[in-house]
Amino acid sequence: MELQQRFAFWQKNISVLPVDSKPKSNKPILKRDANTIDEICFTGFKSADKQRLTKIAIAANMLVRKEVSTNLKYLCCGYNAGPKKLEIAREKNILTLSESQFINLIETGEIPEL
């Protein structure tokens, strides 16, 4: 019964934004420079997905690495991403992305907020 009460509360008290509207942020939107060669590593993806994402990255003037290296800018993580690569990326302040964030980065140039 408690779960139903919580759901009713949220339904009643939380306003929902229209699908196409985004909350305004005072933070400037960081953009990727398409002329710069950024390094990216894909981890935790099935082979076919990794190949597809690699092709997208290369077409976007990115250098694809197999390991987390010093110059790596992005680590794109799939559902089966290994904890070791994630740990190294955090230690080196490398931006970790999901597949959808990576696609958005390529399409819009917008770097996700940290």
PDB file of N, CA and C in Angstrom:
ATOM      1  N   MET A   1       0.816  -1.203   0.000  1.00  0.00           N
ATOM      2  CA  MET A   1       0.000   0.000   0.000  1.00  0.00           C
ATOM      3  C   MET A   1       0.861   1.268   0.000  1.00  0.00           C
ATOM      4  N   GLU A   2       1.988   1.239   0.651  1.00  0.00           N
ATOM      5  CA  GLU A   2       2.849   2.407   0.727  1.00  0.00           C
ATOM      6  C   GLU A   2       3.339   2.829  -0.660  1.00  0.00           C
ATOM      7  N   LEU A   3       3.663   1.878  -1.511  1.00  0.00           N
ATOM      8  CA  LEU A   3       4.133   2.166  -2.860  1.00  0.00           C
ATOM      9  C   LEU A   3       3.052   2.882  -3.671  1.00  0.00           C
ATOM     10  N   GLN A   4       1.813   2.436  -3.534  1.00  0.00           N
ATOM     11  CA  GLN A   4       0.704   3.080  -4.248  1.00  0.00           C
ATOM     12  C   GLN A   4       0.504   4.508  -3.752  1.00  0.00           C
ATOM     13  N   GLN A   5       0.668   4.742  -2.461  1.00  0.00           N
ATOM     14  CA  GLN A   5       0.528   6.089  -1.917  1.00  0.00           C
ATOM     15  C   GLN A   5       1.617   7.010  -2.445  1.00  0.00           C
ATOM     16  N   ARG A   6       2.836   6.492  -2.504  1.00  0.00           N
ATOM     17  CA  ARG A   6       3.938   7.300  -3.043  1.00  0.00           C
ATOM     18  C   ARG A   6       3.689   7.656  -4.497  1.00  0.00           C
ATOM     19  N   PHE A   7       3.253   6.668  -5.281  1.00  0.00           N
ATOM     20  CA  PHE A   7       2.983   6.904  -6.693  1.00  0.00           C
ATOM     21  C   PHE A   7       1.893   7.963  -6.860  1.00  0.00           C
ATOM     22  N   ALA A   8       0.841   7.862  -6.074  1.00  0.00           N
ATOM     23  CA  ALA A   8      -0.250   8.838  -6.142  1.00  0.00           C
ATOM     24  C   ALA A   8       0.259  10.228  -5.778  1.00  0.00           C
ATOM     25  N   PHE A   9       1.130  10.315  -4.779  1.00  0.00           N
ATOM     26  CA  PHE A   9       1.698  11.604  -4.381  1.00  0.00           C
ATOM     27  C   PHE A   9       2.486  12.215  -5.538  1.00  0.00           C
ATOM     28  N   TRP A  10       3.372  11.425  -6.150  1.00  0.00           N
ATOM     29  CA  TRP A  10       4.193  11.939  -7.238  1.00  0.00           C
ATOM     30  C   TRP A  10       3.346  12.338  -8.441  1.00  0.00           C
ATOM     31  N   GLN A  11       2.339  11.535  -8.722  1.00  0.00           N
ATOM     32  CA  GLN A  11       1.460  11.843  -9.843  1.00  0.00           C
ATOM     33  C   GLN A  11       0.734  13.169  -9.620  1.00  0.00           C
ATOM     34  N   LYS A  12       0.332  13.410  -8.383  1.00  0.00           N
ATOM     35  CA  LYS A  12      -0.442  14.602  -8.048  1.00  0.00           C
ATOM     36  C   LYS A  12       0.429  15.855  -7.933  1.00  0.00           C
ATOM     37  N   ASN A  13       1.643  15.707  -7.405  1.00  0.00           N
ATOM     38  CA  ASN A  13       2.439  16.868  -7.037  1.00  0.00           C
ATOM     39  C   ASN A  13       3.596  17.228  -7.963  1.00  0.00           C
ATOM     40  N   ILE A  14       3.921  16.380  -8.874  1.00  0.00           N
ATOM     41  CA  ILE A  14       5.049  16.660  -9.750  1.00  0.00           C
ATOM     42  C   ILE A  14       4.540  17.035 -11.134  1.00  0.00           C
ATOM     43  N   SER A  15       4.987  18.204 -11.594  1.00  0.00           N
ATOM     44  CA  SER A  15       4.593  18.611 -12.944  1.00  0.00           C
ATOM     45  C   SER A  15       5.551  17.973 -13.941  1.00  0.00           C
ATOM     46  N   VAL A  16       5.029  17.607 -15.066  1.00  0.00           N
ATOM     47  CA  VAL A  16       5.812  16.946 -16.095  1.00  0.00           C
ATOM     48  C   VAL A  16       6.069  17.927 -17.219  1.00  0.00           C
ATOM     49  N   LEU A  17       7.335  18.022 -17.626  1.00  0.00           N
ATOM     50  CA  LEU A  17       7.681  18.897 -18.739  1.00  0.00           C
ATOM     51  C   LEU A  17       7.259  18.252 -20.052  1.00  0.00           C
ATOM     52  N   PRO A  18       6.844  19.031 -21.024  1.00  0.00           N
ATOM     53  CA  PRO A  18       6.563  18.456 -22.336  1.00  0.00           C
ATOM     54  C   PRO A  18       7.813  17.771 -22.873  1.00  0.00           C
ATOM     55  N   VAL A  19       7.633  16.789 -23.705  1.00  0.00           N
ATOM     56  CA  VAL A  19       8.738  15.974 -24.205  1.00  0.00           C
ATOM     57  C   VAL A  19       9.806  16.813 -24.898  1.00  0.00           C
ATOM     58  N   ASP A  20       9.403  17.805 -25.677  1.00  0.00           N
ATOM     59  CA  ASP A  20      10.381  18.563 -26.447  1.00  0.00           C
ATOM     60  C   ASP A  20      10.996  19.731 -25.691  1.00  0.00           C
ATOM     61  N   SER A  21      10.604  19.963 -24.444  1.00  0.00           N
ATOM     62  CA  SER A  21      11.200  21.066 -23.698  1.00  0.00           C
ATOM     63  C   SER A  21      12.267  20.548 -22.758  1.00  0.00           C
ATOM     64  N   LYS A  22      13.295  21.352 -22.586  1.00  0.00           N
ATOM     65  CA  LYS A  22      14.377  21.011 -21.685  1.00  0.00           C
ATOM     66  C   LYS A  22      14.497  22.124 -20.652  1.00  0.00           C
ATOM     67  N   PRO A  23      14.813  21.772 -19.407  1.00  0.00           N
ATOM     68  CA  PRO A  23      15.005  22.827 -18.428  1.00  0.00           C
ATOM     69  C   PRO A  23      16.196  23.697 -18.827  1.00  0.00           C
ATOM     70  N   LYS A  24      16.070  24.980 -18.623  1.00  0.00           N
ATOM     71  CA  LYS A  24      17.148  25.906 -18.945  1.00  0.00           C
ATOM     72  C   LYS A  24      18.227  25.801 -17.878  1.00  0.00           C
ATOM     73  N   SER A  25      19.448  25.844 -18.302  1.00  0.00           N
ATOM     74  CA  SER A  25      20.576  25.775 -17.394  1.00  0.00           C
ATOM     75  C   SER A  25      21.413  27.030 -17.562  1.00  0.00           C
ATOM     76  N   ASN A  26      21.969  27.511 -16.453  1.00  0.00           N
ATOM     77  CA  ASN A  26      22.833  28.680 -16.522  1.00  0.00           C
ATOM     78  C   ASN A  26      24.242  28.305 -16.976  1.00  0.00           C
ATOM     79  N   LYS A  27      24.547  27.006 -16.976  1.00  0.00           N
ATOM     80  CA  LYS A  27      25.874  26.561 -17.383  1.00  0.00           C
ATOM     81  C   LYS A  27      26.022  26.696 -18.887  1.00  0.00           C
ATOM     82  N   PRO A  28      27.190  27.153 -19.333  1.00  0.00           N
ATOM     83  CA  PRO A  28      27.407  27.198 -20.782  1.00  0.00           C
ATOM     84  C   PRO A  28      27.492  25.777 -21.333  1.00  0.00           C
ATOM     85  N   ILE A  29      27.027  25.595 -22.543  1.00  0.00           N
ATOM     86  CA  ILE A  29      27.082  24.280 -23.181  1.00  0.00           C
ATOM     87  C   ILE A  29      28.474  24.114 -23.782  1.00  0.00           C
ATOM     88  N   LEU A  30      29.150  23.057 -23.342  1.00  0.00           N
ATOM     89  CA  LEU A  30      30.470  22.773 -23.879  1.00  0.00           C
ATOM     90  C   LEU A  30      30.319  22.046 -25.206  1.00  0.00           C
ATOM     91  N   LYS A  31      31.090  22.464 -26.183  1.00  0.00           N
ATOM     92  CA  LYS A  31      31.021  21.868 -27.515  1.00  0.00           C
ATOM     93  C   LYS A  31      32.345  21.212 -27.865  1.00  0.00           C
ATOM     94  N   ARG A  32      32.239  20.123 -28.591  1.00  0.00           N
ATOM     95  CA  ARG A  32      33.412  19.425 -29.098  1.00  0.00           C
ATOM     96  C   ARG A  32      33.883  20.115 -30.365  1.00  0.00           C
ATOM     97  N   ASP A  33      35.188  20.324 -30.480  1.00  0.00           N
ATOM     98  CA  ASP A  33      35.765  20.905 -31.681  1.00  0.00           C
ATOM     99  C   ASP A  33      35.927  19.791 -32.714  1.00  0.00           C
ATOM    100  N   ALA A  34      35.159  19.842 -33.764  1.00  0.00           N
ATOM    101  CA  ALA A  34      35.164  18.788 -34.788  1.00  0.00           C
ATOM    102  C   ALA A  34      36.492  18.698 -35.525  1.00  0.00           C
ATOM    103  N   ASN A  35      37.319  19.762 -35.463  1.00  0.00           N
ATOM    104  CA  ASN A  35      38.607  19.755 -36.145  1.00  0.00           C
ATOM    105  C   ASN A  35      39.710  19.122 -35.298  1.00  0.00           C
ATOM    106  N   THR A  36      39.440  18.871 -34.032  1.00  0.00           N
ATOM    107  CA  THR A  36      40.412  18.264 -33.124  1.00  0.00           C
ATOM    108  C   THR A  36      40.261  16.750 -33.164  1.00  0.00           C
ATOM    109  N   ILE A  37      41.372  16.056 -33.116  1.00  0.00           N
ATOM    110  CA  ILE A  37      41.323  14.595 -33.079  1.00  0.00           C
ATOM    111  C   ILE A  37      41.299  14.166 -31.617  1.00  0.00           C
ATOM    112  N   ASP A  38      40.118  13.787 -31.143  1.00  0.00           N
ATOM    113  CA  ASP A  38      39.943  13.303 -29.781  1.00  0.00           C
ATOM    114  C   ASP A  38      40.105  11.792 -29.771  1.00  0.00           C
ATOM    115  N   GLU A  39      40.636  11.281 -28.654  1.00  0.00           N
ATOM    116  CA  GLU A  39      40.804   9.835 -28.512  1.00  0.00           C
ATOM    117  C   GLU A  39      39.633   9.271 -27.714  1.00  0.00           C
ATOM    118  N   ILE A  40      39.138   8.120 -28.162  1.00  0.00           N
ATOM    119  CA  ILE A  40      38.007   7.464 -27.510  1.00  0.00           C
ATOM    120  C   ILE A  40      38.271   5.961 -27.430  1.00  0.00           C
ATOM    121  N   CYS A  41      37.732   5.342 -26.403  1.00  0.00           N
ATOM    122  CA  CYS A  41      37.821   3.891 -26.240  1.00  0.00           C
ATOM    123  C   CYS A  41      36.405   3.376 -25.988  1.00  0.00           C
ATOM    124  N   PHE A  42      36.062   2.271 -26.629  1.00  0.00           N
ATOM    125  CA  PHE A  42      34.762   1.637 -26.424  1.00  0.00           C
ATOM    126  C   PHE A  42      34.962   0.373 -25.602  1.00  0.00           C
ATOM    127  N   THR A  43      34.144   0.190 -24.581  1.00  0.00           N
ATOM    128  CA  THR A  43      34.262  -0.994 -23.746  1.00  0.00           C
ATOM    129  C   THR A  43      32.882  -1.494 -23.338  1.00  0.00           C
ATOM    130  N   GLY A  44      32.755  -2.800 -23.218  1.00  0.00           N
ATOM    131  CA  GLY A  44      31.505  -3.384 -22.746  1.00  0.00           C
ATOM    132  C   GLY A  44      30.436  -3.560 -23.804  1.00  0.00           C
ATOM    133  N   PHE A  45      30.820  -3.535 -25.071  1.00  0.00           N
ATOM    134  CA  PHE A  45      29.863  -3.692 -26.167  1.00  0.00           C
ATOM    135  C   PHE A  45      30.061  -5.032 -26.860  1.00  0.00           C
ATOM    136  N   LYS A  46      29.003  -5.532 -27.478  1.00  0.00           N
ATOM    137  CA  LYS A  46      29.127  -6.696 -28.355  1.00  0.00           C
ATOM    138  C   LYS A  46      29.984  -6.278 -29.543  1.00  0.00           C
ATOM    139  N   SER A  47      30.624  -7.245 -30.170  1.00  0.00           N
ATOM    140  CA  SER A  47      31.563  -6.979 -31.259  1.00  0.00           C
ATOM    141  C   SER A  47      30.933  -6.147 -32.384  1.00  0.00           C
ATOM    142  N   ALA A  48      29.743  -6.504 -32.802  1.00  0.00           N
ATOM    143  CA  ALA A  48      29.086  -5.783 -33.902  1.00  0.00           C
ATOM    144  C   ALA A  48      28.796  -4.333 -33.514  1.00  0.00           C
ATOM    145  N   ASP A  49      28.352  -4.131 -32.281  1.00  0.00           N
ATOM    146  CA  ASP A  49      28.071  -2.764 -31.815  1.00  0.00           C
ATOM    147  C   ASP A  49      29.357  -1.945 -31.734  1.00  0.00           C
ATOM    148  N   LYS A  50      30.415  -2.570 -31.244  1.00  0.00           N
ATOM    149  CA  LYS A  50      31.704  -1.881 -31.132  1.00  0.00           C
ATOM    150  C   LYS A  50      32.220  -1.476 -32.510  1.00  0.00           C
ATOM    151  N   GLN A  51      32.069  -2.357 -33.499  1.00  0.00           N
ATOM    152  CA  GLN A  51      32.499  -2.036 -34.864  1.00  0.00           C
ATOM    153  C   GLN A  51      31.694  -0.870 -35.429  1.00  0.00           C
ATOM    154  N   ARG A  52      30.382  -0.888 -35.183  1.00  0.00           N
ATOM    155  CA  ARG A  52      29.510   0.192 -35.671  1.00  0.00           C
ATOM    156  C   ARG A  52      29.911   1.528 -35.040  1.00  0.00           C
ATOM    157  N   LEU A  53      30.125   1.532 -33.720  1.00  0.00           N
ATOM    158  CA  LEU A  53      30.498   2.755 -33.017  1.00  0.00           C
ATOM    159  C   LEU A  53      31.887   3.238 -33.438  1.00  0.00           C
ATOM    160  N   THR A  54      32.787   2.298 -33.680  1.00  0.00           N
ATOM    161  CA  THR A  54      34.131   2.650 -34.132  1.00  0.00           C
ATOM    162  C   THR A  54      34.077   3.372 -35.474  1.00  0.00           C
ATOM    163  N   LYS A  55      33.245   2.885 -36.391  1.00  0.00           N
ATOM    164  CA  LYS A  55      33.086   3.533 -37.702  1.00  0.00           C
ATOM    165  C   LYS A  55      32.550   4.952 -37.543  1.00  0.00           C
ATOM    166  N   ILE A  56      31.604   5.127 -36.642  1.00  0.00           N
ATOM    167  CA  ILE A  56      31.034   6.459 -36.393  1.00  0.00           C
ATOM    168  C   ILE A  56      32.113   7.390 -35.849  1.00  0.00           C
ATOM    169  N   ALA A  57      32.902   6.891 -34.910  1.00  0.00           N
ATOM    170  CA  ALA A  57      33.959   7.708 -34.302  1.00  0.00           C
ATOM    171  C   ALA A  57      35.015   8.109 -35.325  1.00  0.00           C
ATOM    172  N   ILE A  58      35.427   7.174 -36.159  1.00  0.00           N
ATOM    173  CA  ILE A  58      36.441   7.463 -37.176  1.00  0.00           C
ATOM    174  C   ILE A  58      35.909   8.497 -38.174  1.00  0.00           C
ATOM    175  N   ALA A  59      34.644   8.360 -38.545  1.00  0.00           N
ATOM    176  CA  ALA A  59      34.033   9.327 -39.465  1.00  0.00           C
ATOM    177  C   ALA A  59      33.951  10.722 -38.843  1.00  0.00           C
ATOM    178  N   ALA A  60      33.929  10.778 -37.508  1.00  0.00           N
ATOM    179  CA  ALA A  60      33.855  12.059 -36.803  1.00  0.00           C
ATOM    180  C   ALA A  60      35.246  12.577 -36.423  1.00  0.00           C
ATOM    181  N   ASN A  61      36.281  12.052 -37.078  1.00  0.00           N
ATOM    182  CA  ASN A  61      37.653  12.498 -36.858  1.00  0.00           C
ATOM    183  C   ASN A  61      38.155  12.190 -35.441  1.00  0.00           C
ATOM    184  N   MET A  62      37.804  11.002 -34.941  1.00  0.00           N
ATOM    185  CA  MET A  62      38.271  10.564 -33.630  1.00  0.00           C
ATOM    186  C   MET A  62      39.235   9.397 -33.806  1.00  0.00           C
ATOM    187  N   LEU A  63      40.168   9.293 -32.874  1.00  0.00           N
ATOM    188  CA  LEU A  63      41.121   8.195 -32.864  1.00  0.00           C
ATOM    189  C   LEU A  63      40.632   7.162 -31.852  1.00  0.00           C
ATOM    190  N   VAL A  64      40.414   5.939 -32.300  1.00  0.00           N
ATOM    191  CA  VAL A  64      39.864   4.891 -31.440  1.00  0.00           C
ATOM    192  C   VAL A  64      41.009   4.078 -30.840  1.00  0.00           C
ATOM    193  N   ARG A  65      41.006   3.995 -29.529  1.00  0.00           N
ATOM    194  CA  ARG A  65      42.004   3.229 -28.780  1.00  0.00           C
ATOM    195  C   ARG A  65      41.371   1.976 -28.210  1.00  0.00           C
ATOM    196  N   LYS A  66      42.195   0.962 -27.949  1.00  0.00           N
ATOM    197  CA  LYS A  66      41.701  -0.276 -27.345  1.00  0.00           C
ATOM    198  C   LYS A  66      41.847  -0.259 -25.831  1.00  0.00           C
ATOM    199  N   GLU A  67      42.712   0.595 -25.329  1.00  0.00           N
ATOM    200  CA  GLU A  67      42.972   0.684 -23.893  1.00  0.00           C
ATOM    201  C   GLU A  67      42.800   2.120 -23.422  1.00  0.00           C
ATOM    202  N   VAL A  68      42.649   2.278 -22.114  1.00  0.00           N
ATOM    203  CA  VAL A  68      42.565   3.601 -21.513  1.00  0.00           C
ATOM    204  C   VAL A  68      43.986   4.147 -21.427  1.00  0.00           C
ATOM    205  N   SER A  69      44.270   5.184 -22.211  1.00  0.00           N
ATOM    206  CA  SER A  69      45.612   5.759 -22.274  1.00  0.00           C
ATOM    207  C   SER A  69      45.626   7.177 -21.712  1.00  0.00           C
ATOM    208  N   THR A  70      46.804   7.742 -21.643  1.00  0.00           N
ATOM    209  CA  THR A  70      46.981   9.070 -21.065  1.00  0.00           C
ATOM    210  C   THR A  70      46.213  10.149 -21.829  1.00  0.00           C
ATOM    211  N   ASN A  71      46.225  10.094 -23.144  1.00  0.00           N
ATOM    212  CA  ASN A  71      45.591  11.132 -23.957  1.00  0.00           C
ATOM    213  C   ASN A  71      44.116  10.871 -24.250  1.00  0.00           C
ATOM    214  N   LEU A  72      43.576   9.806 -23.686  1.00  0.00           N
ATOM    215  CA  LEU A  72      42.177   9.459 -23.947  1.00  0.00           C
ATOM    216  C   LEU A  72      41.259  10.544 -23.388  1.00  0.00           C
ATOM    217  N   LYS A  73      40.302  10.963 -24.197  1.00  0.00           N
ATOM    218  CA  LYS A  73      39.360  11.996 -23.753  1.00  0.00           C
ATOM    219  C   LYS A  73      38.024  11.392 -23.339  1.00  0.00           C
ATOM    220  N   TYR A  74      37.585  10.307 -24.032  1.00  0.00           N
ATOM    221  CA  TYR A  74      36.287   9.704 -23.765  1.00  0.00           C
ATOM    222  C   TYR A  74      36.407   8.190 -23.614  1.00  0.00           C
ATOM    223  N   LEU A  75      35.649   7.650 -22.684  1.00  0.00           N
ATOM    224  CA  LEU A  75      35.476   6.207 -22.551  1.00  0.00           C
ATOM    225  C   LEU A  75      33.990   5.947 -22.710  1.00  0.00           C
ATOM    226  N   CYS A  76      33.617   5.295 -23.799  1.00  0.00           N
ATOM    227  CA  CYS A  76      32.218   5.004 -24.073  1.00  0.00           C
ATOM    228  C   CYS A  76      31.920   3.597 -23.557  1.00  0.00           C
ATOM    229  N   CYS A  77      30.990   3.495 -22.626  1.00  0.00           N
ATOM    230  CA  CYS A  77      30.744   2.239 -21.915  1.00  0.00           C
ATOM    231  C   CYS A  77      29.412   1.611 -22.303  1.00  0.00           C
ATOM    232  N   GLY A  78      29.487   0.310 -22.583  1.00  0.00           N
ATOM    233  CA  GLY A  78      28.296  -0.471 -22.860  1.00  0.00           C
ATOM    234  C   GLY A  78      27.822  -1.173 -21.602  1.00  0.00           C
ATOM    235  N   TYR A  79      26.863  -2.067 -21.783  1.00  0.00           N
ATOM    236  CA  TYR A  79      26.230  -2.752 -20.664  1.00  0.00           C
ATOM    237  C   TYR A  79      27.189  -3.652 -19.895  1.00  0.00           C
ATOM    238  N   ASN A  80      28.277  -4.079 -20.522  1.00  0.00           N
ATOM    239  CA  ASN A  80      29.192  -5.031 -19.906  1.00  0.00           C
ATOM    240  C   ASN A  80      30.576  -4.411 -19.683  1.00  0.00           C
ATOM    241  N   ALA A  81      30.606  -3.118 -19.376  1.00  0.00           N
ATOM    242  CA  ALA A  81      31.877  -2.411 -19.176  1.00  0.00           C
ATOM    243  C   ALA A  81      32.603  -2.960 -17.954  1.00  0.00           C
ATOM    244  N   GLY A  82      33.903  -3.167 -18.124  1.00  0.00           N
ATOM    245  CA  GLY A  82      34.712  -3.713 -17.035  1.00  0.00           C
ATOM    246  C   GLY A  82      35.044  -2.674 -15.986  1.00  0.00           C
ATOM    247  N   PRO A  83      35.041  -3.071 -14.727  1.00  0.00           N
ATOM    248  CA  PRO A  83      35.306  -2.123 -13.644  1.00  0.00           C
ATOM    249  C   PRO A  83      36.725  -1.556 -13.676  1.00  0.00           C
ATOM    250  N   LYS A  84      37.689  -2.302 -14.206  1.00  0.00           N
ATOM    251  CA  LYS A  84      39.077  -1.832 -14.240  1.00  0.00           C
ATOM    252  C   LYS A  84      39.222  -0.618 -15.152  1.00  0.00           C
ATOM    253  N   LYS A  85      38.636  -0.685 -16.354  1.00  0.00           N
ATOM    254  CA  LYS A  85      38.722   0.452 -17.273  1.00  0.00           C
ATOM    255  C   LYS A  85      37.998   1.666 -16.700  1.00  0.00           C
ATOM    256  N   LEU A  86      36.867   1.436 -16.058  1.00  0.00           N
ATOM    257  CA  LEU A  86      36.135   2.546 -15.440  1.00  0.00           C
ATOM    258  C   LEU A  86      36.946   3.188 -14.320  1.00  0.00           C
ATOM    259  N   GLU A  87      37.592   2.371 -13.530  1.00  0.00           N
ATOM    260  CA  GLU A  87      38.410   2.875 -12.429  1.00  0.00           C
ATOM    261  C   GLU A  87      39.580   3.717 -12.956  1.00  0.00           C
ATOM    262  N   ILE A  88      40.272   3.203 -13.965  1.00  0.00           N
ATOM    263  CA  ILE A  88      41.395   3.940 -14.556  1.00  0.00           C
ATOM    264  C   ILE A  88      40.903   5.257 -15.155  1.00  0.00           C
ATOM    265  N   ALA A  89      39.753   5.219 -15.820  1.00  0.00           N
ATOM    266  CA  ALA A  89      39.192   6.432 -16.421  1.00  0.00           C
ATOM    267  C   ALA A  89      38.881   7.474 -15.351  1.00  0.00           C
ATOM    268  N   ARG A  90      38.319   7.049 -14.236  1.00  0.00           N
ATOM    269  CA  ARG A  90      38.019   7.995 -13.152  1.00  0.00           C
ATOM    270  C   ARG A  90      39.303   8.612 -12.594  1.00  0.00           C
ATOM    271  N   GLU A  91      40.322   7.782 -12.419  1.00  0.00           N
ATOM    272  CA  GLU A  91      41.600   8.269 -11.892  1.00  0.00           C
ATOM    273  C   GLU A  91      42.232   9.303 -12.810  1.00  0.00           C
ATOM    274  N   LYS A  92      42.039   9.146 -14.110  1.00  0.00           N
ATOM    275  CA  LYS A  92      42.649  10.043 -15.090  1.00  0.00           C
ATOM    276  C   LYS A  92      41.704  11.162 -15.532  1.00  0.00           C
ATOM    277  N   ASN A  93      40.540  11.271 -14.885  1.00  0.00           N
ATOM    278  CA  ASN A  93      39.537  12.295 -15.216  1.00  0.00           C
ATOM    279  C   ASN A  93      39.104  12.240 -16.674  1.00  0.00           C
ATOM    280  N   ILE A  94      38.901  11.023 -17.161  1.00  0.00           N
ATOM    281  CA  ILE A  94      38.417  10.810 -18.524  1.00  0.00           C
ATOM    282  C   ILE A  94      36.892  10.789 -18.483  1.00  0.00           C
ATOM    283  N   LEU A  95      36.276  11.473 -19.408  1.00  0.00           N
ATOM    284  CA  LEU A  95      34.816  11.546 -19.457  1.00  0.00           C
ATOM    285  C   LEU A  95      34.240  10.214 -19.914  1.00  0.00           C
ATOM    286  N   THR A  96      33.361   9.626 -19.103  1.00  0.00           N
ATOM    287  CA  THR A  96      32.712   8.373 -19.481  1.00  0.00           C
ATOM    288  C   THR A  96      31.350   8.689 -20.084  1.00  0.00           C
ATOM    289  N   LEU A  97      31.039   8.006 -21.167  1.00  0.00           N
ATOM    290  CA  LEU A  97      29.797   8.232 -21.906  1.00  0.00           C
ATOM    291  C   LEU A  97      29.045   6.930 -22.092  1.00  0.00           C
ATOM    292  N   SER A  98      27.736   7.034 -22.171  1.00  0.00           N
ATOM    293  CA  SER A  98      26.924   5.904 -22.611  1.00  0.00           C
ATOM    294  C   SER A  98      26.871   5.969 -24.138  1.00  0.00           C
ATOM    295  N   GLU A  99      26.315   4.946 -24.759  1.00  0.00           N
ATOM    296  CA  GLU A  99      26.200   4.954 -26.218  1.00  0.00           C
ATOM    297  C   GLU A  99      25.350   6.134 -26.691  1.00  0.00           C
ATOM    298  N   SER A 100      24.249   6.385 -26.011  1.00  0.00           N
ATOM    299  CA  SER A 100      23.378   7.494 -26.436  1.00  0.00           C
ATOM    300  C   SER A 100      24.067   8.845 -26.248  1.00  0.00           C
ATOM    301  N   GLN A 101      24.867   9.001 -25.193  1.00  0.00           N
ATOM    302  CA  GLN A 101      25.614  10.250 -25.008  1.00  0.00           C
ATOM    303  C   GLN A 101      26.664  10.418 -26.098  1.00  0.00           C
ATOM    304  N   PHE A 102      27.304   9.309 -26.493  1.00  0.00           N
ATOM    305  CA  PHE A 102      28.288   9.362 -27.571  1.00  0.00           C
ATOM    306  C   PHE A 102      27.619   9.793 -28.878  1.00  0.00           C
ATOM    307  N   ILE A 103      26.488   9.184 -29.200  1.00  0.00           N
ATOM    308  CA  ILE A 103      25.767   9.532 -30.438  1.00  0.00           C
ATOM    309  C   ILE A 103      25.360  11.009 -30.405  1.00  0.00           C
ATOM    310  N   ASN A 104      24.875  11.467 -29.255  1.00  0.00           N
ATOM    311  CA  ASN A 104      24.500  12.878 -29.120  1.00  0.00           C
ATOM    312  C   ASN A 104      25.721  13.782 -29.300  1.00  0.00           C
ATOM    313  N   LEU A 105      26.857  13.376 -28.751  1.00  0.00           N
ATOM    314  CA  LEU A 105      28.097  14.140 -28.906  1.00  0.00           C
ATOM    315  C   LEU A 105      28.459  14.271 -30.385  1.00  0.00           C
ATOM    316  N   ILE A 106      28.348  13.192 -31.120  1.00  0.00           N
ATOM    317  CA  ILE A 106      28.688  13.208 -32.543  1.00  0.00           C
ATOM    318  C   ILE A 106      27.679  14.065 -33.325  1.00  0.00           C
ATOM    319  N   GLU A 107      26.395  13.917 -33.015  1.00  0.00           N
ATOM    320  CA  GLU A 107      25.351  14.635 -33.771  1.00  0.00           C
ATOM    321  C   GLU A 107      25.321  16.127 -33.467  1.00  0.00           C
ATOM    322  N   THR A 108      25.496  16.503 -32.191  1.00  0.00           N
ATOM    323  CA  THR A 108      25.334  17.901 -31.799  1.00  0.00           C
ATOM    324  C   THR A 108      26.646  18.586 -31.440  1.00  0.00           C
ATOM    325  N   GLY A 109      27.653  17.792 -31.095  1.00  0.00           N
ATOM    326  CA  GLY A 109      28.913  18.367 -30.630  1.00  0.00           C
ATOM    327  C   GLY A 109      28.890  18.733 -29.160  1.00  0.00           C
ATOM    328  N   GLU A 110      27.732  18.543 -28.508  1.00  0.00           N
ATOM    329  CA  GLU A 110      27.600  18.902 -27.093  1.00  0.00           C
ATOM    330  C   GLU A 110      28.232  17.841 -26.203  1.00  0.00           C
ATOM    331  N   ILE A 111      29.086  18.297 -25.295  1.00  0.00           N
ATOM    332  CA  ILE A 111      29.719  17.401 -24.334  1.00  0.00           C
ATOM    333  C   ILE A 111      28.807  17.307 -23.119  1.00  0.00           C
ATOM    334  N   PRO A 112      28.463  16.108 -22.686  1.00  0.00           N
ATOM    335  CA  PRO A 112      27.562  15.959 -21.537  1.00  0.00           C
ATOM    336  C   PRO A 112      28.146  16.609 -20.287  1.00  0.00           C
ATOM    337  N   GLU A 113      27.248  17.130 -19.447  1.00  0.00           N
ATOM    338  CA  GLU A 113      27.686  17.727 -18.187  1.00  0.00           C
ATOM    339  C   GLU A 113      28.254  16.654 -17.279  1.00  0.00           C
ATOM    340  N   LEU A 114      29.265  17.017 -16.526  1.00  0.00           N
ATOM    341  CA  LEU A 114      29.862  16.077 -15.586  1.00  0.00           C
ATOM    342  C   LEU A 114      29.040  15.981 -14.336  1.00  0.00           C
TER     343      LEU A 114
END
